[in-house]
Amino acid sequence: MPRYQYRCSKCEKVQTLQHLSTEAVTDCDQCNHTNSMTKLLSRFSTSPKTTAPKKTGQVTEEFISDARTALKQQKLETLKT
């Protein structure tokens, strides 16, 4: 679910809320005013590319390796219990 930032026009508090884009947020949870919330514009959470692009198949190989490691860890944990 995406996160959105809102500012209350009465108490000026900024809140980060997680909800569907079809849901409307109008009431402030902090000061309980109705119809006081304004949606703020925010940047996407991305990081600049500082490394060279990965070779074809490298992402898949890393995913499989990570999945194998996670499965081994899960097997060890289930054997301990």
PDB file of N, CA and C in Angstrom:
ATOM      1  N   MET A   1       0.837  -1.173   0.000  1.00  0.00           N
ATOM      2  CA  MET A   1       0.000   0.000   0.000  1.00  0.00           C
ATOM      3  C   MET A   1       0.885   1.240   0.000  1.00  0.00           C
ATOM      4  N   PRO A   2       0.570   2.201  -0.819  1.00  0.00           N
ATOM      5  CA  PRO A   2       1.402   3.411  -0.878  1.00  0.00           C
ATOM      6  C   PRO A   2       1.221   4.299   0.347  1.00  0.00           C
ATOM      7  N   ARG A   3       2.233   5.124   0.572  1.00  0.00           N
ATOM      8  CA  ARG A   3       2.197   6.077   1.683  1.00  0.00           C
ATOM      9  C   ARG A   3       2.073   7.486   1.120  1.00  0.00           C
ATOM     10  N   TYR A   4       1.288   8.277   1.818  1.00  0.00           N
ATOM     11  CA  TYR A   4       1.059   9.663   1.409  1.00  0.00           C
ATOM     12  C   TYR A   4       1.284  10.574   2.608  1.00  0.00           C
ATOM     13  N   GLN A   5       1.723  11.797   2.332  1.00  0.00           N
ATOM     14  CA  GLN A   5       1.903  12.782   3.395  1.00  0.00           C
ATOM     15  C   GLN A   5       0.789  13.814   3.298  1.00  0.00           C
ATOM     16  N   TYR A   6       0.274  14.163   4.473  1.00  0.00           N
ATOM     17  CA  TYR A   6      -0.801  15.145   4.578  1.00  0.00           C
ATOM     18  C   TYR A   6      -0.426  16.177   5.623  1.00  0.00           C
ATOM     19  N   ARG A   7      -0.907  17.415   5.434  1.00  0.00           N
ATOM     20  CA  ARG A   7      -0.714  18.479   6.420  1.00  0.00           C
ATOM     21  C   ARG A   7      -2.082  18.999   6.816  1.00  0.00           C
ATOM     22  N   CYS A   8      -2.259  19.163   8.119  1.00  0.00           N
ATOM     23  CA  CYS A   8      -3.506  19.710   8.642  1.00  0.00           C
ATOM     24  C   CYS A   8      -3.447  21.233   8.541  1.00  0.00           C
ATOM     25  N   SER A   9      -4.493  21.830   8.020  1.00  0.00           N
ATOM     26  CA  SER A   9      -4.512  23.299   7.884  1.00  0.00           C
ATOM     27  C   SER A   9      -4.781  23.993   9.214  1.00  0.00           C
ATOM     28  N   LYS A  10      -5.233  23.256  10.214  1.00  0.00           N
ATOM     29  CA  LYS A  10      -5.518  23.851  11.530  1.00  0.00           C
ATOM     30  C   LYS A  10      -4.309  23.770  12.458  1.00  0.00           C
ATOM     31  N   CYS A  11      -3.774  22.547  12.654  1.00  0.00           N
ATOM     32  CA  CYS A  11      -2.663  22.385  13.607  1.00  0.00           C
ATOM     33  C   CYS A  11      -1.292  22.332  12.925  1.00  0.00           C
ATOM     34  N   GLU A  12      -1.249  22.314  11.588  1.00  0.00           N
ATOM     35  CA  GLU A  12      -0.020  22.333  10.791  1.00  0.00           C
ATOM     36  C   GLU A  12       0.857  21.097  10.970  1.00  0.00           C
ATOM     37  N   LYS A  13       0.333  20.023  11.550  1.00  0.00           N
ATOM     38  CA  LYS A  13       1.109  18.793  11.714  1.00  0.00           C
ATOM     39  C   LYS A  13       1.112  18.030  10.395  1.00  0.00           C
ATOM     40  N   VAL A  14       2.261  17.424  10.084  1.00  0.00           N
ATOM     41  CA  VAL A  14       2.397  16.602   8.884  1.00  0.00           C
ATOM     42  C   VAL A  14       2.324  15.139   9.314  1.00  0.00           C
ATOM     43  N   GLN A  15       1.507  14.386   8.605  1.00  0.00           N
ATOM     44  CA  GLN A  15       1.335  12.969   8.918  1.00  0.00           C
ATOM     45  C   GLN A  15       1.612  12.145   7.666  1.00  0.00           C
ATOM     46  N   THR A  16       2.251  11.000   7.859  1.00  0.00           N
ATOM     47  CA  THR A  16       2.443  10.047   6.776  1.00  0.00           C
ATOM     48  C   THR A  16       1.451   8.930   6.997  1.00  0.00           C
ATOM     49  N   LEU A  17       0.562   8.756   6.027  1.00  0.00           N
ATOM     50  CA  LEU A  17      -0.502   7.764   6.148  1.00  0.00           C
ATOM     51  C   LEU A  17      -0.393   6.757   5.018  1.00  0.00           C
ATOM     52  N   GLN A  18      -0.735   5.533   5.333  1.00  0.00           N
ATOM     53  CA  GLN A  18      -0.698   4.462   4.355  1.00  0.00           C
ATOM     54  C   GLN A  18      -2.131   4.047   4.055  1.00  0.00           C
ATOM     55  N   HIS A  19      -2.523   4.191   2.787  1.00  0.00           N
ATOM     56  CA  HIS A  19      -3.885   3.838   2.408  1.00  0.00           C
ATOM     57  C   HIS A  19      -3.968   3.682   0.901  1.00  0.00           C
ATOM     58  N   LEU A  20      -5.083   3.172   0.430  1.00  0.00           N
ATOM     59  CA  LEU A  20      -5.305   3.051  -1.002  1.00  0.00           C
ATOM     60  C   LEU A  20      -5.534   4.422  -1.613  1.00  0.00           C
ATOM     61  N   SER A  21      -5.201   4.575  -2.871  1.00  0.00           N
ATOM     62  CA  SER A  21      -5.355   5.874  -3.512  1.00  0.00           C
ATOM     63  C   SER A  21      -6.823   6.265  -3.680  1.00  0.00           C
ATOM     64  N   THR A  22      -7.725   5.296  -3.603  1.00  0.00           N
ATOM     65  CA  THR A  22      -9.152   5.596  -3.745  1.00  0.00           C
ATOM     66  C   THR A  22      -9.772   6.099  -2.448  1.00  0.00           C
ATOM     67  N   GLU A  23      -9.077   5.918  -1.330  1.00  0.00           N
ATOM     68  CA  GLU A  23      -9.590   6.374  -0.046  1.00  0.00           C
ATOM     69  C   GLU A  23      -9.293   7.862   0.142  1.00  0.00           C
ATOM     70  N   ALA A  24     -10.232   8.573   0.701  1.00  0.00           N
ATOM     71  CA  ALA A  24     -10.053  10.007   0.949  1.00  0.00           C
ATOM     72  C   ALA A  24      -9.703  10.243   2.416  1.00  0.00           C
ATOM     73  N   VAL A  25      -8.686  11.059   2.655  1.00  0.00           N
ATOM     74  CA  VAL A  25      -8.298  11.433   4.013  1.00  0.00           C
ATOM     75  C   VAL A  25      -8.634  12.904   4.177  1.00  0.00           C
ATOM     76  N   THR A  26      -9.564  13.207   5.074  1.00  0.00           N
ATOM     77  CA  THR A  26      -9.980  14.598   5.255  1.00  0.00           C
ATOM     78  C   THR A  26      -9.892  15.060   6.697  1.00  0.00           C
ATOM     79  N   ASP A  27      -9.939  14.136   7.651  1.00  0.00           N
ATOM     80  CA  ASP A  27      -9.977  14.502   9.067  1.00  0.00           C
ATOM     81  C   ASP A  27      -8.619  14.287   9.721  1.00  0.00           C
ATOM     82  N   CYS A  28      -8.216  15.250  10.545  1.00  0.00           N
ATOM     83  CA  CYS A  28      -6.936  15.189  11.241  1.00  0.00           C
ATOM     84  C   CYS A  28      -7.064  14.325  12.490  1.00  0.00           C
ATOM     85  N   ASP A  29      -6.159  13.360  12.636  1.00  0.00           N
ATOM     86  CA  ASP A  29      -6.145  12.505  13.819  1.00  0.00           C
ATOM     87  C   ASP A  29      -5.563  13.224  15.039  1.00  0.00           C
ATOM     88  N   GLN A  30      -4.750  14.252  14.803  1.00  0.00           N
ATOM     89  CA  GLN A  30      -4.084  14.954  15.894  1.00  0.00           C
ATOM     90  C   GLN A  30      -5.011  15.945  16.609  1.00  0.00           C
ATOM     91  N   CYS A  31      -5.699  16.774  15.823  1.00  0.00           N
ATOM     92  CA  CYS A  31      -6.522  17.823  16.441  1.00  0.00           C
ATOM     93  C   CYS A  31      -8.024  17.600  16.228  1.00  0.00           C
ATOM     94  N   ASN A  32      -8.385  16.519  15.513  1.00  0.00           N
ATOM     95  CA  ASN A  32      -9.774  16.121  15.285  1.00  0.00           C
ATOM     96  C   ASN A  32     -10.606  17.113  14.479  1.00  0.00           C
ATOM     97  N   HIS A  33      -9.951  17.952  13.684  1.00  0.00           N
ATOM     98  CA  HIS A  33     -10.700  18.842  12.790  1.00  0.00           C
ATOM     99  C   HIS A  33     -11.135  18.065  11.554  1.00  0.00           C
ATOM    100  N   THR A  34     -12.289  18.407  11.040  1.00  0.00           N
ATOM    101  CA  THR A  34     -12.784  17.743   9.841  1.00  0.00           C
ATOM    102  C   THR A  34     -12.465  18.576   8.608  1.00  0.00           C
ATOM    103  N   ASN A  35     -12.250  17.918   7.507  1.00  0.00           N
ATOM    104  CA  ASN A  35     -11.933  18.548   6.225  1.00  0.00           C
ATOM    105  C   ASN A  35     -10.738  19.498   6.306  1.00  0.00           C
ATOM    106  N   SER A  36      -9.722  19.129   7.063  1.00  0.00           N
ATOM    107  CA  SER A  36      -8.576  20.019   7.232  1.00  0.00           C
ATOM    108  C   SER A  36      -7.282  19.456   6.642  1.00  0.00           C
ATOM    109  N   MET A  37      -7.314  18.259   6.085  1.00  0.00           N
ATOM    110  CA  MET A  37      -6.098  17.625   5.585  1.00  0.00           C
ATOM    111  C   MET A  37      -5.868  17.940   4.109  1.00  0.00           C
ATOM    112  N   THR A  38      -4.623  18.299   3.804  1.00  0.00           N
ATOM    113  CA  THR A  38      -4.214  18.591   2.434  1.00  0.00           C
ATOM    114  C   THR A  38      -3.085  17.636   2.066  1.00  0.00           C
ATOM    115  N   LYS A  39      -3.235  16.959   0.930  1.00  0.00           N
ATOM    116  CA  LYS A  39      -2.217  16.027   0.471  1.00  0.00           C
ATOM    117  C   LYS A  39      -1.013  16.802  -0.028  1.00  0.00           C
ATOM    118  N   LEU A  40       0.191  16.397   0.405  1.00  0.00           N
ATOM    119  CA  LEU A  40       1.426  17.066   0.011  1.00  0.00           C
ATOM    120  C   LEU A  40       2.076  16.334  -1.157  1.00  0.00           C
ATOM    121  N   LEU A  41       2.792  17.071  -1.968  1.00  0.00           N
ATOM    122  CA  LEU A  41       3.583  16.461  -3.022  1.00  0.00           C
ATOM    123  C   LEU A  41       4.866  15.927  -2.412  1.00  0.00           C
ATOM    124  N   SER A  42       5.266  14.751  -2.830  1.00  0.00           N
ATOM    125  CA  SER A  42       6.502  14.179  -2.298  1.00  0.00           C
ATOM    126  C   SER A  42       7.290  13.541  -3.424  1.00  0.00           C
ATOM    127  N   ARG A  43       8.577  13.350  -3.167  1.00  0.00           N
ATOM    128  CA  ARG A  43       9.447  12.732  -4.153  1.00  0.00           C
ATOM    129  C   ARG A  43       9.336  11.217  -4.043  1.00  0.00           C
ATOM    130  N   PHE A  44       9.652  10.555  -5.127  1.00  0.00           N
ATOM    131  CA  PHE A  44       9.718   9.105  -5.092  1.00  0.00           C
ATOM    132  C   PHE A  44      10.970   8.709  -4.339  1.00  0.00           C
ATOM    133  N   SER A  45      10.916   7.591  -3.654  1.00  0.00           N
ATOM    134  CA  SER A  45      12.085   7.139  -2.905  1.00  0.00           C
ATOM    135  C   SER A  45      12.959   6.294  -3.821  1.00  0.00           C
ATOM    136  N   THR A  46      13.834   6.975  -4.526  1.00  0.00           N
ATOM    137  CA  THR A  46      14.770   6.297  -5.411  1.00  0.00           C
ATOM    138  C   THR A  46      16.176   6.732  -5.062  1.00  0.00           C
ATOM    139  N   SER A  47      17.110   5.900  -5.401  1.00  0.00           N
ATOM    140  CA  SER A  47      18.507   6.266  -5.182  1.00  0.00           C
ATOM    141  C   SER A  47      19.189   6.376  -6.535  1.00  0.00           C
ATOM    142  N   PRO A  48      20.115   7.285  -6.646  1.00  0.00           N
ATOM    143  CA  PRO A  48      20.799   7.438  -7.929  1.00  0.00           C
ATOM    144  C   PRO A  48      21.643   6.212  -8.240  1.00  0.00           C
ATOM    145  N   LYS A  49      21.751   5.907  -9.514  1.00  0.00           N
ATOM    146  CA  LYS A  49      22.577   4.769  -9.918  1.00  0.00           C
ATOM    147  C   LYS A  49      24.036   5.166  -9.813  1.00  0.00           C
ATOM    148  N   THR A  50      24.759   4.428  -8.997  1.00  0.00           N
ATOM    149  CA  THR A  50      26.180   4.706  -8.850  1.00  0.00           C
ATOM    150  C   THR A  50      27.008   3.524  -9.320  1.00  0.00           C
ATOM    151  N   THR A  51      26.355   2.410  -9.636  1.00  0.00           N
ATOM    152  CA  THR A  51      27.073   1.232 -10.085  1.00  0.00           C
ATOM    153  C   THR A  51      26.721   0.955 -11.540  1.00  0.00           C
ATOM    154  N   ALA A  52      27.531   0.161 -12.158  1.00  0.00           N
ATOM    155  CA  ALA A  52      27.276  -0.211 -13.544  1.00  0.00           C
ATOM    156  C   ALA A  52      26.044  -1.107 -13.612  1.00  0.00           C
ATOM    157  N   PRO A  53      25.331  -1.065 -14.716  1.00  0.00           N
ATOM    158  CA  PRO A  53      24.167  -1.924 -14.838  1.00  0.00           C
ATOM    159  C   PRO A  53      24.570  -3.396 -14.766  1.00  0.00           C
ATOM    160  N   LYS A  54      23.680  -4.207 -14.225  1.00  0.00           N
ATOM    161  CA  LYS A  54      23.983  -5.627 -14.056  1.00  0.00           C
ATOM    162  C   LYS A  54      23.855  -6.346 -15.393  1.00  0.00           C
ATOM    163  N   LYS A  55      24.632  -7.412 -15.518  1.00  0.00           N
ATOM    164  CA  LYS A  55      24.604  -8.198 -16.738  1.00  0.00           C
ATOM    165  C   LYS A  55      23.320  -9.006 -16.803  1.00  0.00           C
ATOM    166  N   THR A  56      22.951  -9.397 -18.000  1.00  0.00           N
ATOM    167  CA  THR A  56      21.757 -10.206 -18.195  1.00  0.00           C
ATOM    168  C   THR A  56      21.887 -11.495 -17.395  1.00  0.00           C
ATOM    169  N   GLY A  57      20.874 -11.799 -16.614  1.00  0.00           N
ATOM    170  CA  GLY A  57      20.867 -13.016 -15.816  1.00  0.00           C
ATOM    171  C   GLY A  57      21.468 -12.864 -14.430  1.00  0.00           C
ATOM    172  N   GLN A  58      22.219 -11.785 -14.183  1.00  0.00           N
ATOM    173  CA  GLN A  58      22.858 -11.606 -12.882  1.00  0.00           C
ATOM    174  C   GLN A  58      21.814 -11.384 -11.787  1.00  0.00           C
ATOM    175  N   VAL A  59      20.761 -10.658 -12.104  1.00  0.00           N
ATOM    176  CA  VAL A  59      19.707 -10.408 -11.125  1.00  0.00           C
ATOM    177  C   VAL A  59      19.035 -11.722 -10.753  1.00  0.00           C
ATOM    178  N   THR A  60      18.767 -12.556 -11.754  1.00  0.00           N
ATOM    179  CA  THR A  60      18.134 -13.855 -11.504  1.00  0.00           C
ATOM    180  C   THR A  60      19.040 -14.743 -10.663  1.00  0.00           C
ATOM    181  N   GLU A  61      20.317 -14.779 -10.979  1.00  0.00           N
ATOM    182  CA  GLU A  61      21.266 -15.591 -10.211  1.00  0.00           C
ATOM    183  C   GLU A  61      21.318 -15.132  -8.758  1.00  0.00           C
ATOM    184  N   GLU A  62      21.322 -13.823  -8.529  1.00  0.00           N
ATOM    185  CA  GLU A  62      21.346 -13.304  -7.161  1.00  0.00           C
ATOM    186  C   GLU A  62      20.060 -13.662  -6.426  1.00  0.00           C
ATOM    187  N   PHE A  63      18.934 -13.582  -7.122  1.00  0.00           N
ATOM    188  CA  PHE A  63      17.649 -13.922  -6.513  1.00  0.00           C
ATOM    189  C   PHE A  63      17.631 -15.388  -6.102  1.00  0.00           C
ATOM    190  N   ILE A  64      18.076 -16.264  -6.993  1.00  0.00           N
ATOM    191  CA  ILE A  64      18.092 -17.698  -6.691  1.00  0.00           C
ATOM    192  C   ILE A  64      19.029 -17.981  -5.527  1.00  0.00           C
ATOM    193  N   SER A  65      20.182 -17.354  -5.519  1.00  0.00           N
ATOM    194  CA  SER A  65      21.131 -17.549  -4.420  1.00  0.00           C
ATOM    195  C   SER A  65      20.545 -17.092  -3.092  1.00  0.00           C
ATOM    196  N   ASP A  66      19.904 -15.929  -3.087  1.00  0.00           N
ATOM    197  CA  ASP A  66      19.284 -15.426  -1.860  1.00  0.00           C
ATOM    198  C   ASP A  66      18.146 -16.339  -1.403  1.00  0.00           C
ATOM    199  N   ALA A  67      17.359 -16.839  -2.359  1.00  0.00           N
ATOM    200  CA  ALA A  67      16.246 -17.728  -2.024  1.00  0.00           C
ATOM    201  C   ALA A  67      16.763 -19.028  -1.424  1.00  0.00           C
ATOM    202  N   ARG A  68      17.833 -19.580  -1.974  1.00  0.00           N
ATOM    203  CA  ARG A  68      18.421 -20.811  -1.423  1.00  0.00           C
ATOM    204  C   ARG A  68      18.904 -20.590   0.009  1.00  0.00           C
ATOM    205  N   THR A  69      19.560 -19.455   0.232  1.00  0.00           N
ATOM    206  CA  THR A  69      20.050 -19.148   1.576  1.00  0.00           C
ATOM    207  C   THR A  69      18.884 -19.024   2.557  1.00  0.00           C
ATOM    208  N   ALA A  70      17.820 -18.365   2.142  1.00  0.00           N
ATOM    209  CA  ALA A  70      16.652 -18.200   3.001  1.00  0.00           C
ATOM    210  C   ALA A  70      15.993 -19.547   3.296  1.00  0.00           C
ATOM    211  N   LEU A  71      15.900 -20.418   2.288  1.00  0.00           N
ATOM    212  CA  LEU A  71      15.304 -21.738   2.492  1.00  0.00           C
ATOM    213  C   LEU A  71      16.137 -22.587   3.452  1.00  0.00           C
ATOM    214  N   LYS A  72      17.449 -22.531   3.310  1.00  0.00           N
ATOM    215  CA  LYS A  72      18.325 -23.266   4.226  1.00  0.00           C
ATOM    216  C   LYS A  72      18.124 -22.785   5.662  1.00  0.00           C
ATOM    217  N   GLN A  73      18.014 -21.467   5.835  1.00  0.00           N
ATOM    218  CA  GLN A  73      17.799 -20.891   7.159  1.00  0.00           C
ATOM    219  C   GLN A  73      16.464 -21.341   7.737  1.00  0.00           C
ATOM    220  N   GLN A  74      15.413 -21.353   6.911  1.00  0.00           N
ATOM    221  CA  GLN A  74      14.107 -21.805   7.371  1.00  0.00           C
ATOM    222  C   GLN A  74      14.115 -23.257   7.764  1.00  0.00           C
ATOM    223  N   LYS A  75      14.825 -24.106   6.998  1.00  0.00           N
ATOM    224  CA  LYS A  75      14.921 -25.525   7.327  1.00  0.00           C
ATOM    225  C   LYS A  75      15.626 -25.712   8.676  1.00  0.00           C
ATOM    226  N   LEU A  76      16.708 -24.967   8.883  1.00  0.00           N
ATOM    227  CA  LEU A  76      17.432 -25.059  10.167  1.00  0.00           C
ATOM    228  C   LEU A  76      16.541 -24.642  11.325  1.00  0.00           C
ATOM    229  N   GLU A  77      15.761 -23.590  11.144  1.00  0.00           N
ATOM    230  CA  GLU A  77      14.888 -23.115  12.211  1.00  0.00           C
ATOM    231  C   GLU A  77      13.784 -24.122  12.522  1.00  0.00           C
ATOM    232  N   THR A  78      13.239 -24.780  11.496  1.00  0.00           N
ATOM    233  CA  THR A  78      12.178 -25.759  11.737  1.00  0.00           C
ATOM    234  C   THR A  78      12.736 -27.024  12.379  1.00  0.00           C
ATOM    235  N   LEU A  79      13.972 -27.380  12.089  1.00  0.00           N
ATOM    236  CA  LEU A  79      14.573 -28.552  12.715  1.00  0.00           C
ATOM    237  C   LEU A  79      14.887 -28.315  14.193  1.00  0.00           C
ATOM    238  N   LYS A  80      15.149 -27.079  14.561  1.00  0.00           N
ATOM    239  CA  LYS A  80      15.446 -26.736  15.950  1.00  0.00           C
ATOM    240  C   LYS A  80      14.215 -26.840  16.835  1.00  0.00           C
ATOM    241  N   THR A  81      13.031 -26.635  16.258  1.00  0.00           N
ATOM    242  CA  THR A  81      11.817 -26.650  17.066  1.00  0.00           C
ATOM    243  C   THR A  81      11.189 -27.994  17.158  1.00  0.00           C
TER     244      THR A  81
END
